[in-house]
Amino acid sequence: MSRTARLWLFVFGPLIGVIVALIVAAAWWVMGGFPSDHAKYATVAVPGSESVRLPEGEARLYWQAITVGGGDDSSVADRPDGLDVTVADENGTELEVSSVPSWLFSSTNSTTGYEPFGKVDVPAAGSYAVTTGFDDGEVPPAHAAITIGAEPWNPGGSKVAGAVLCFILIFAIAVLPLLIIGAVMRNREDGGGDDQPGSPSVMSVGDAPHTGATAGSTPVPEPETLPDPDADNESDKRYEW
């Protein structure tokens, strides 16, 4: 394996995967989870006011309007300048509306779309007056409204658990395959060669011992060597003087 391949498989690739996983986990944290039904509780026209029954806990506010553009370039129409939303309880006490970045995501169809606007912590279940408005002289786009939806989904109801799970999933998808491929390629290189320990040796035809027989034939015995009748036995020799 070349040095460049090793760097990408074991250094640059995993590093990029970790960075992407961190970005996705951070986006999950900022969004507060996976968006649920964006108009579960109410849709309040802009401008307008409506009494909405809300449960205790977090509620999300979304800007909804006509879709502009088409295809991959479609987006939600811009908000009017000075768009303001107030949520007040039955005693007239206004709840704090925290902003949520609209660039986090948006969803569109052929007619309308929506994007994050804000969130509010509802102290107790009950009826709340939701009022919308904007600067004088502004003209809102068609279908302009503020929708009120449920709290985003998180595993076990924990935003921390959701962010951690996002990091693990992205890391597993982007990084683990690179590490596995690199390990397999390195193992093949380290295990290459003809003289591996434990590998059966191959004997060439010229190295095979002569047995006097071929595969599938009956062994032929070696011919018996007979004594030479003319040979003199050393023990029987007589010497004359």
C-alpha atoms as a PDB file:
ATOM      1  CA  MET A   1       0.000   0.000   0.000  1.00  0.00           C
ATOM      2  CA  SER A   2       1.375   3.404  -0.933  1.00  0.00           C
ATOM      3  CA  ARG A   3       2.057   6.109   1.622  1.00  0.00           C
ATOM      4  CA  THR A   4      -0.735   8.286   0.174  1.00  0.00           C
ATOM      5  CA  ALA A   5      -3.268   5.464   0.486  1.00  0.00           C
ATOM      6  CA  ARG A   6      -2.234   4.857   4.089  1.00  0.00           C
ATOM      7  CA  LEU A   7      -2.632   8.538   4.937  1.00  0.00           C
ATOM      8  CA  TRP A   8      -6.141   8.694   3.461  1.00  0.00           C
ATOM      9  CA  LEU A   9      -7.296   5.415   5.008  1.00  0.00           C
ATOM     10  CA  PHE A  10      -5.841   5.920   8.466  1.00  0.00           C
ATOM     11  CA  VAL A  11      -5.473   9.700   8.925  1.00  0.00           C
ATOM     12  CA  PHE A  12      -7.311  12.067   6.559  1.00  0.00           C
ATOM     13  CA  GLY A  13     -10.398   9.895   5.957  1.00  0.00           C
ATOM     14  CA  PRO A  14     -11.124   9.226   9.650  1.00  0.00           C
ATOM     15  CA  LEU A  15     -10.389  12.871  10.502  1.00  0.00           C
ATOM     16  CA  ILE A  16     -12.901  14.122   7.923  1.00  0.00           C
ATOM     17  CA  GLY A  17     -15.439  11.579   9.211  1.00  0.00           C
ATOM     18  CA  VAL A  18     -14.998  12.795  12.785  1.00  0.00           C
ATOM     19  CA  ILE A  19     -15.452  16.425  11.696  1.00  0.00           C
ATOM     20  CA  VAL A  20     -18.652  15.592   9.776  1.00  0.00           C
ATOM     21  CA  ALA A  21     -19.965  13.607  12.754  1.00  0.00           C
ATOM     22  CA  LEU A  22     -19.299  16.552  15.062  1.00  0.00           C
ATOM     23  CA  ILE A  23     -21.111  18.951  12.708  1.00  0.00           C
ATOM     24  CA  VAL A  24     -24.176  16.692  12.510  1.00  0.00           C
ATOM     25  CA  ALA A  25     -24.218  16.221  16.294  1.00  0.00           C
ATOM     26  CA  ALA A  26     -23.948  19.996  16.802  1.00  0.00           C
ATOM     27  CA  ALA A  27     -26.815  20.604  14.348  1.00  0.00           C
ATOM     28  CA  TRP A  28     -28.937  18.072  16.236  1.00  0.00           C
ATOM     29  CA  TRP A  29     -28.150  19.886  19.483  1.00  0.00           C
ATOM     30  CA  VAL A  30     -29.051  23.303  18.075  1.00  0.00           C
ATOM     31  CA  MET A  31     -32.301  22.021  16.531  1.00  0.00           C
ATOM     32  CA  GLY A  32     -33.136  20.303  19.789  1.00  0.00           C
ATOM     33  CA  GLY A  33     -33.906  17.001  18.109  1.00  0.00           C
ATOM     34  CA  PHE A  34     -35.714  15.632  15.070  1.00  0.00           C
ATOM     35  CA  PRO A  35     -38.593  17.944  14.031  1.00  0.00           C
ATOM     36  CA  SER A  36     -42.064  16.633  14.837  1.00  0.00           C
ATOM     37  CA  ASP A  37     -45.468  17.745  13.509  1.00  0.00           C
ATOM     38  CA  HIS A  38     -44.879  21.442  12.844  1.00  0.00           C
ATOM     39  CA  ALA A  39     -48.567  22.385  13.095  1.00  0.00           C
ATOM     40  CA  LYS A  40     -49.747  19.953  15.763  1.00  0.00           C
ATOM     41  CA  TYR A  41     -51.368  22.564  18.010  1.00  0.00           C
ATOM     42  CA  ALA A  42     -52.364  25.489  15.800  1.00  0.00           C
ATOM     43  CA  THR A  43     -51.807  27.627  12.717  1.00  0.00           C
ATOM     44  CA  VAL A  44     -52.065  31.367  13.381  1.00  0.00           C
ATOM     45  CA  ALA A  45     -52.329  33.702  10.385  1.00  0.00           C
ATOM     46  CA  VAL A  46     -49.879  36.577   9.959  1.00  0.00           C
ATOM     47  CA  PRO A  47     -51.093  39.071  11.054  1.00  0.00           C
ATOM     48  CA  GLY A  48     -53.581  37.552  13.484  1.00  0.00           C
ATOM     49  CA  SER A  49     -54.353  36.279  16.975  1.00  0.00           C
ATOM     50  CA  GLU A  50     -55.742  33.025  18.299  1.00  0.00           C
ATOM     51  CA  SER A  51     -56.250  31.200  21.601  1.00  0.00           C
ATOM     52  CA  VAL A  52     -54.296  27.957  21.536  1.00  0.00           C
ATOM     53  CA  ARG A  53     -54.417  25.040  23.946  1.00  0.00           C
ATOM     54  CA  LEU A  54     -50.849  24.019  24.757  1.00  0.00           C
ATOM     55  CA  PRO A  55     -49.472  21.206  26.935  1.00  0.00           C
ATOM     56  CA  GLU A  56     -46.755  21.713  29.517  1.00  0.00           C
ATOM     57  CA  GLY A  57     -43.243  21.616  28.097  1.00  0.00           C
ATOM     58  CA  GLU A  58     -41.540  22.950  25.014  1.00  0.00           C
ATOM     59  CA  ALA A  59     -43.500  24.090  21.938  1.00  0.00           C
ATOM     60  CA  ARG A  60     -41.917  25.009  18.619  1.00  0.00           C
ATOM     61  CA  LEU A  61     -42.886  27.915  16.361  1.00  0.00           C
ATOM     62  CA  TYR A  62     -42.439  27.771  12.568  1.00  0.00           C
ATOM     63  CA  TRP A  63     -42.718  30.355   9.807  1.00  0.00           C
ATOM     64  CA  GLN A  64     -45.030  29.075   7.065  1.00  0.00           C
ATOM     65  CA  ALA A  65     -45.651  30.709   3.689  1.00  0.00           C
ATOM     66  CA  ILE A  66     -46.001  30.083  -0.025  1.00  0.00           C
ATOM     67  CA  THR A  67     -43.244  28.204  -1.813  1.00  0.00           C
ATOM     68  CA  VAL A  68     -41.172  30.219  -4.287  1.00  0.00           C
ATOM     69  CA  GLY A  69     -38.974  28.836  -7.038  1.00  0.00           C
ATOM     70  CA  GLY A  70     -39.212  25.273  -8.205  1.00  0.00           C
ATOM     71  CA  GLY A  71     -37.487  21.923  -8.092  1.00  0.00           C
ATOM     72  CA  ASP A  72     -34.266  21.873  -6.123  1.00  0.00           C
ATOM     73  CA  ASP A  73     -34.343  25.685  -5.930  1.00  0.00           C
ATOM     74  CA  SER A  74     -37.694  25.904  -4.131  1.00  0.00           C
ATOM     75  CA  SER A  75     -37.747  27.722  -0.790  1.00  0.00           C
ATOM     76  CA  VAL A  76     -40.086  29.365   1.669  1.00  0.00           C
ATOM     77  CA  ALA A  77     -41.061  32.974   0.900  1.00  0.00           C
ATOM     78  CA  ASP A  78     -39.207  35.548   3.004  1.00  0.00           C
ATOM     79  CA  ARG A  79     -40.654  36.765   6.270  1.00  0.00           C
ATOM     80  CA  PRO A  80     -41.920  40.359   6.454  1.00  0.00           C
ATOM     81  CA  ASP A  81     -39.583  42.719   8.255  1.00  0.00           C
ATOM     82  CA  GLY A  82     -40.255  43.039  11.960  1.00  0.00           C
ATOM     83  CA  LEU A  83     -42.179  39.761  12.228  1.00  0.00           C
ATOM     84  CA  ASP A  84     -43.094  39.378  15.893  1.00  0.00           C
ATOM     85  CA  VAL A  85     -44.830  36.593  17.806  1.00  0.00           C
ATOM     86  CA  THR A  86     -46.076  36.819  21.393  1.00  0.00           C
ATOM     87  CA  VAL A  87     -47.437  34.017  23.574  1.00  0.00           C
ATOM     88  CA  ALA A  88     -49.349  35.082  26.709  1.00  0.00           C
ATOM     89  CA  ASP A  89     -51.153  33.100  29.397  1.00  0.00           C
ATOM     90  CA  GLU A  90     -54.697  33.776  30.636  1.00  0.00           C
ATOM     91  CA  ASN A  91     -53.385  36.485  32.978  1.00  0.00           C
ATOM     92  CA  GLY A  92     -51.696  38.336  30.145  1.00  0.00           C
ATOM     93  CA  THR A  93     -48.172  37.358  31.179  1.00  0.00           C
ATOM     94  CA  GLU A  94     -46.045  36.912  28.103  1.00  0.00           C
ATOM     95  CA  LEU A  95     -43.776  33.894  27.792  1.00  0.00           C
ATOM     96  CA  GLU A  96     -40.258  34.249  26.444  1.00  0.00           C
ATOM     97  CA  VAL A  97     -39.985  33.270  22.779  1.00  0.00           C
ATOM     98  CA  SER A  98     -36.431  32.132  21.999  1.00  0.00           C
ATOM     99  CA  SER A  99     -35.250  32.302  18.394  1.00  0.00           C
ATOM    100  CA  VAL A 100     -34.198  29.187  16.469  1.00  0.00           C
ATOM    101  CA  PRO A 101     -31.959  29.618  13.377  1.00  0.00           C
ATOM    102  CA  SER A 102     -34.011  29.317  10.198  1.00  0.00           C
ATOM    103  CA  TRP A 103     -31.019  27.977   8.218  1.00  0.00           C
ATOM    104  CA  LEU A 104     -31.059  24.691  10.107  1.00  0.00           C
ATOM    105  CA  PHE A 105     -33.634  23.191   7.759  1.00  0.00           C
ATOM    106  CA  SER A 106     -36.728  23.911   5.717  1.00  0.00           C
ATOM    107  CA  SER A 107     -39.471  21.812   4.179  1.00  0.00           C
ATOM    108  CA  THR A 108     -41.446  22.666   1.063  1.00  0.00           C
ATOM    109  CA  ASN A 109     -44.106  21.161  -1.168  1.00  0.00           C
ATOM    110  CA  SER A 110     -45.783  22.389  -4.327  1.00  0.00           C
ATOM    111  CA  THR A 111     -47.700  25.190  -2.552  1.00  0.00           C
ATOM    112  CA  THR A 112     -46.307  25.961   0.919  1.00  0.00           C
ATOM    113  CA  GLY A 113     -43.232  25.457   3.065  1.00  0.00           C
ATOM    114  CA  TYR A 114     -42.038  26.068   6.580  1.00  0.00           C
ATOM    115  CA  GLU A 115     -38.835  26.710   8.516  1.00  0.00           C
ATOM    116  CA  PRO A 116     -37.908  27.159  12.200  1.00  0.00           C
ATOM    117  CA  PHE A 117     -38.814  30.447  13.853  1.00  0.00           C
ATOM    118  CA  GLY A 118     -38.594  30.010  17.629  1.00  0.00           C
ATOM    119  CA  LYS A 119     -39.497  28.001  20.710  1.00  0.00           C
ATOM    120  CA  VAL A 120     -41.310  28.627  23.973  1.00  0.00           C
ATOM    121  CA  ASP A 121     -41.344  26.812  27.318  1.00  0.00           C
ATOM    122  CA  VAL A 122     -44.921  26.383  28.483  1.00  0.00           C
ATOM    123  CA  PRO A 123     -45.014  26.334  32.310  1.00  0.00           C
ATOM    124  CA  ALA A 124     -48.371  24.595  32.578  1.00  0.00           C
ATOM    125  CA  ALA A 125     -51.026  23.157  30.301  1.00  0.00           C
ATOM    126  CA  GLY A 126     -53.724  25.639  29.387  1.00  0.00           C
ATOM    127  CA  SER A 127     -54.959  28.206  26.882  1.00  0.00           C
ATOM    128  CA  TYR A 128     -52.502  30.779  25.571  1.00  0.00           C
ATOM    129  CA  ALA A 129     -53.048  33.796  23.322  1.00  0.00           C
ATOM    130  CA  VAL A 130     -50.733  33.692  20.313  1.00  0.00           C
ATOM    131  CA  THR A 131     -50.473  36.995  18.444  1.00  0.00           C
ATOM    132  CA  THR A 132     -48.489  37.731  15.285  1.00  0.00           C
ATOM    133  CA  GLY A 133     -47.575  41.031  13.627  1.00  0.00           C
ATOM    134  CA  PHE A 134     -44.920  42.867  11.609  1.00  0.00           C
ATOM    135  CA  ASP A 135     -43.692  46.339  10.749  1.00  0.00           C
ATOM    136  CA  ASP A 136     -46.115  48.837   9.218  1.00  0.00           C
ATOM    137  CA  GLY A 137     -46.025  49.003   5.445  1.00  0.00           C
ATOM    138  CA  GLU A 138     -44.937  45.392   5.025  1.00  0.00           C
ATOM    139  CA  VAL A 139     -46.971  43.029   2.886  1.00  0.00           C
ATOM    140  CA  PRO A 140     -46.816  39.383   3.957  1.00  0.00           C
ATOM    141  CA  PRO A 141     -46.578  36.647   1.312  1.00  0.00           C
ATOM    142  CA  ALA A 142     -49.489  34.354   0.545  1.00  0.00           C
ATOM    143  CA  HIS A 143     -50.331  31.684   3.147  1.00  0.00           C
ATOM    144  CA  ALA A 144     -48.237  33.539   5.746  1.00  0.00           C
ATOM    145  CA  ALA A 145     -48.696  31.995   9.193  1.00  0.00           C
ATOM    146  CA  ILE A 146     -46.988  30.900  12.375  1.00  0.00           C
ATOM    147  CA  THR A 147     -47.552  27.247  13.129  1.00  0.00           C
ATOM    148  CA  ILE A 148     -47.167  25.785  16.608  1.00  0.00           C
ATOM    149  CA  GLY A 149     -45.831  22.263  16.808  1.00  0.00           C
ATOM    150  CA  ALA A 150     -44.639  19.668  19.258  1.00  0.00           C
ATOM    151  CA  GLU A 151     -41.241  19.412  20.867  1.00  0.00           C
ATOM    152  CA  PRO A 152     -38.659  17.748  18.593  1.00  0.00           C
ATOM    153  CA  TRP A 153     -38.121  14.015  19.087  1.00  0.00           C
ATOM    154  CA  ASN A 154     -35.085  12.731  20.979  1.00  0.00           C
ATOM    155  CA  PRO A 155     -34.179   9.167  21.979  1.00  0.00           C
ATOM    156  CA  GLY A 156     -35.307   8.740  25.561  1.00  0.00           C
ATOM    157  CA  GLY A 157     -36.344  12.394  25.570  1.00  0.00           C
ATOM    158  CA  SER A 158     -32.698  13.448  25.966  1.00  0.00           C
ATOM    159  CA  LYS A 159     -31.123  15.982  23.624  1.00  0.00           C
ATOM    160  CA  VAL A 160     -27.665  14.854  24.763  1.00  0.00           C
ATOM    161  CA  ALA A 161     -28.461  11.238  23.893  1.00  0.00           C
ATOM    162  CA  GLY A 162     -29.679  12.333  20.459  1.00  0.00           C
ATOM    163  CA  ALA A 163     -26.492  14.281  19.712  1.00  0.00           C
ATOM    164  CA  VAL A 164     -24.271  11.425  20.918  1.00  0.00           C
ATOM    165  CA  LEU A 165     -26.239   8.908  18.849  1.00  0.00           C
ATOM    166  CA  CYS A 166     -25.862  11.125  15.766  1.00  0.00           C
ATOM    167  CA  PHE A 167     -22.095  11.264  16.281  1.00  0.00           C
ATOM    168  CA  ILE A 168     -21.828   7.475  16.679  1.00  0.00           C
ATOM    169  CA  LEU A 169     -23.934   6.743  13.595  1.00  0.00           C
ATOM    170  CA  ILE A 170     -22.074   9.163  11.330  1.00  0.00           C
ATOM    171  CA  PHE A 171     -18.721   7.954  12.668  1.00  0.00           C
ATOM    172  CA  ALA A 172     -19.710   4.333  12.018  1.00  0.00           C
ATOM    173  CA  ILE A 173     -20.884   5.098   8.473  1.00  0.00           C
ATOM    174  CA  ALA A 174     -17.986   7.358   7.453  1.00  0.00           C
ATOM    175  CA  VAL A 175     -14.986   6.091   9.414  1.00  0.00           C
ATOM    176  CA  LEU A 176     -15.311   2.387  10.226  1.00  0.00           C
ATOM    177  CA  PRO A 177     -15.432   1.264   6.549  1.00  0.00           C
ATOM    178  CA  LEU A 178     -12.163   3.122   5.891  1.00  0.00           C
ATOM    179  CA  LEU A 179     -10.469   1.480   8.862  1.00  0.00           C
ATOM    180  CA  ILE A 180     -11.732  -1.963   7.857  1.00  0.00           C
ATOM    181  CA  ILE A 181     -10.599  -1.564   4.239  1.00  0.00           C
ATOM    182  CA  GLY A 182      -7.190  -0.329   5.380  1.00  0.00           C
ATOM    183  CA  ALA A 183      -6.776  -3.232   7.803  1.00  0.00           C
ATOM    184  CA  VAL A 184      -7.717  -5.791   5.128  1.00  0.00           C
ATOM    185  CA  MET A 185      -5.297  -4.298   2.583  1.00  0.00           C
ATOM    186  CA  ARG A 186      -2.475  -4.165   5.117  1.00  0.00           C
ATOM    187  CA  ASN A 187      -3.150  -7.749   6.182  1.00  0.00           C
ATOM    188  CA  ARG A 188      -2.971  -8.912   2.573  1.00  0.00           C
ATOM    189  CA  GLU A 189       0.346  -7.171   2.088  1.00  0.00           C
ATOM    190  CA  ASP A 190       1.814  -8.520   5.319  1.00  0.00           C
ATOM    191  CA  GLY A 191       0.565 -12.035   4.555  1.00  0.00           C
ATOM    192  CA  GLY A 192       1.735 -12.111   0.914  1.00  0.00           C
ATOM    193  CA  GLY A 193       4.578 -14.378  -0.244  1.00  0.00           C
ATOM    194  CA  ASP A 194       5.209 -18.017  -1.043  1.00  0.00           C
ATOM    195  CA  ASP A 195       6.957 -19.081   2.180  1.00  0.00           C
ATOM    196  CA  GLN A 196       4.213 -18.521   4.721  1.00  0.00           C
ATOM    197  CA  PRO A 197       4.503 -20.465   7.974  1.00  0.00           C
ATOM    198  CA  GLY A 198       2.190 -23.449   8.031  1.00  0.00           C
ATOM    199  CA  SER A 199       1.743 -23.509   4.266  1.00  0.00           C
ATOM    200  CA  PRO A 200       2.105 -26.939   2.668  1.00  0.00           C
ATOM    201  CA  SER A 201       5.341 -27.321   0.717  1.00  0.00           C
ATOM    202  CA  VAL A 202       5.134 -28.259  -2.928  1.00  0.00           C
ATOM    203  CA  MET A 203       7.622 -30.864  -4.155  1.00  0.00           C
ATOM    204  CA  SER A 204       8.692 -30.736  -7.742  1.00  0.00           C
ATOM    205  CA  VAL A 205       8.669 -33.809  -9.895  1.00  0.00           C
ATOM    206  CA  GLY A 206      12.453 -33.925  -9.940  1.00  0.00           C
ATOM    207  CA  ASP A 207      12.569 -33.956  -6.116  1.00  0.00           C
ATOM    208  CA  ALA A 208      10.262 -36.930  -5.687  1.00  0.00           C
ATOM    209  CA  PRO A 209      12.029 -40.115  -4.503  1.00  0.00           C
ATOM    210  CA  HIS A 210      12.220 -42.969  -6.993  1.00  0.00           C
ATOM    211  CA  THR A 211       9.921 -45.803  -5.985  1.00  0.00           C
ATOM    212  CA  GLY A 212      10.071 -47.853  -9.155  1.00  0.00           C
ATOM    213  CA  ALA A 213       6.358 -47.411  -9.725  1.00  0.00           C
ATOM    214  CA  THR A 214       4.014 -44.862 -11.111  1.00  0.00           C
ATOM    215  CA  ALA A 215       0.641 -43.786  -9.786  1.00  0.00           C
ATOM    216  CA  GLY A 216      -1.967 -46.456 -10.286  1.00  0.00           C
ATOM    217  CA  SER A 217       0.544 -49.264 -11.226  1.00  0.00           C
ATOM    218  CA  THR A 218       1.788 -52.317  -9.289  1.00  0.00           C
ATOM    219  CA  PRO A 219       5.255 -51.804  -7.806  1.00  0.00           C
ATOM    220  CA  VAL A 220       7.913 -53.818  -9.657  1.00  0.00           C
ATOM    221  CA  PRO A 221      10.438 -55.457  -7.320  1.00  0.00           C
ATOM    222  CA  GLU A 222      14.094 -54.782  -7.889  1.00  0.00           C
ATOM    223  CA  PRO A 223      15.892 -57.740  -9.622  1.00  0.00           C
ATOM    224  CA  GLU A 224      17.810 -59.998  -7.228  1.00  0.00           C
ATOM    225  CA  THR A 225      21.575 -59.875  -7.563  1.00  0.00           C
ATOM    226  CA  LEU A 226      23.001 -63.424  -8.045  1.00  0.00           C
ATOM    227  CA  PRO A 227      26.508 -64.354  -6.882  1.00  0.00           C
ATOM    228  CA  ASP A 228      29.240 -64.543  -9.513  1.00  0.00           C
ATOM    229  CA  PRO A 229      30.226 -68.230  -9.904  1.00  0.00           C
ATOM    230  CA  ASP A 230      33.738 -67.285 -11.006  1.00  0.00           C
ATOM    231  CA  ALA A 231      34.381 -65.179  -7.976  1.00  0.00           C
ATOM    232  CA  ASP A 232      36.760 -66.713  -5.442  1.00  0.00           C
ATOM    233  CA  ASN A 233      35.861 -66.750  -1.841  1.00  0.00           C
ATOM    234  CA  GLU A 234      38.576 -64.953   0.059  1.00  0.00           C
ATOM    235  CA  SER A 235      38.320 -67.369   2.970  1.00  0.00           C
ATOM    236  CA  ASP A 236      38.883 -70.444   0.699  1.00  0.00           C
ATOM    237  CA  LYS A 237      41.963 -69.179  -1.109  1.00  0.00           C
ATOM    238  CA  ARG A 238      45.096 -71.395  -0.773  1.00  0.00           C
ATOM    239  CA  TYR A 239      48.539 -70.079  -1.202  1.00  0.00           C
ATOM    240  CA  GLU A 240      51.425 -72.376  -2.352  1.00  0.00           C
ATOM    241  CA  TRP A 241      55.023 -71.602  -1.773  1.00  0.00           C
END
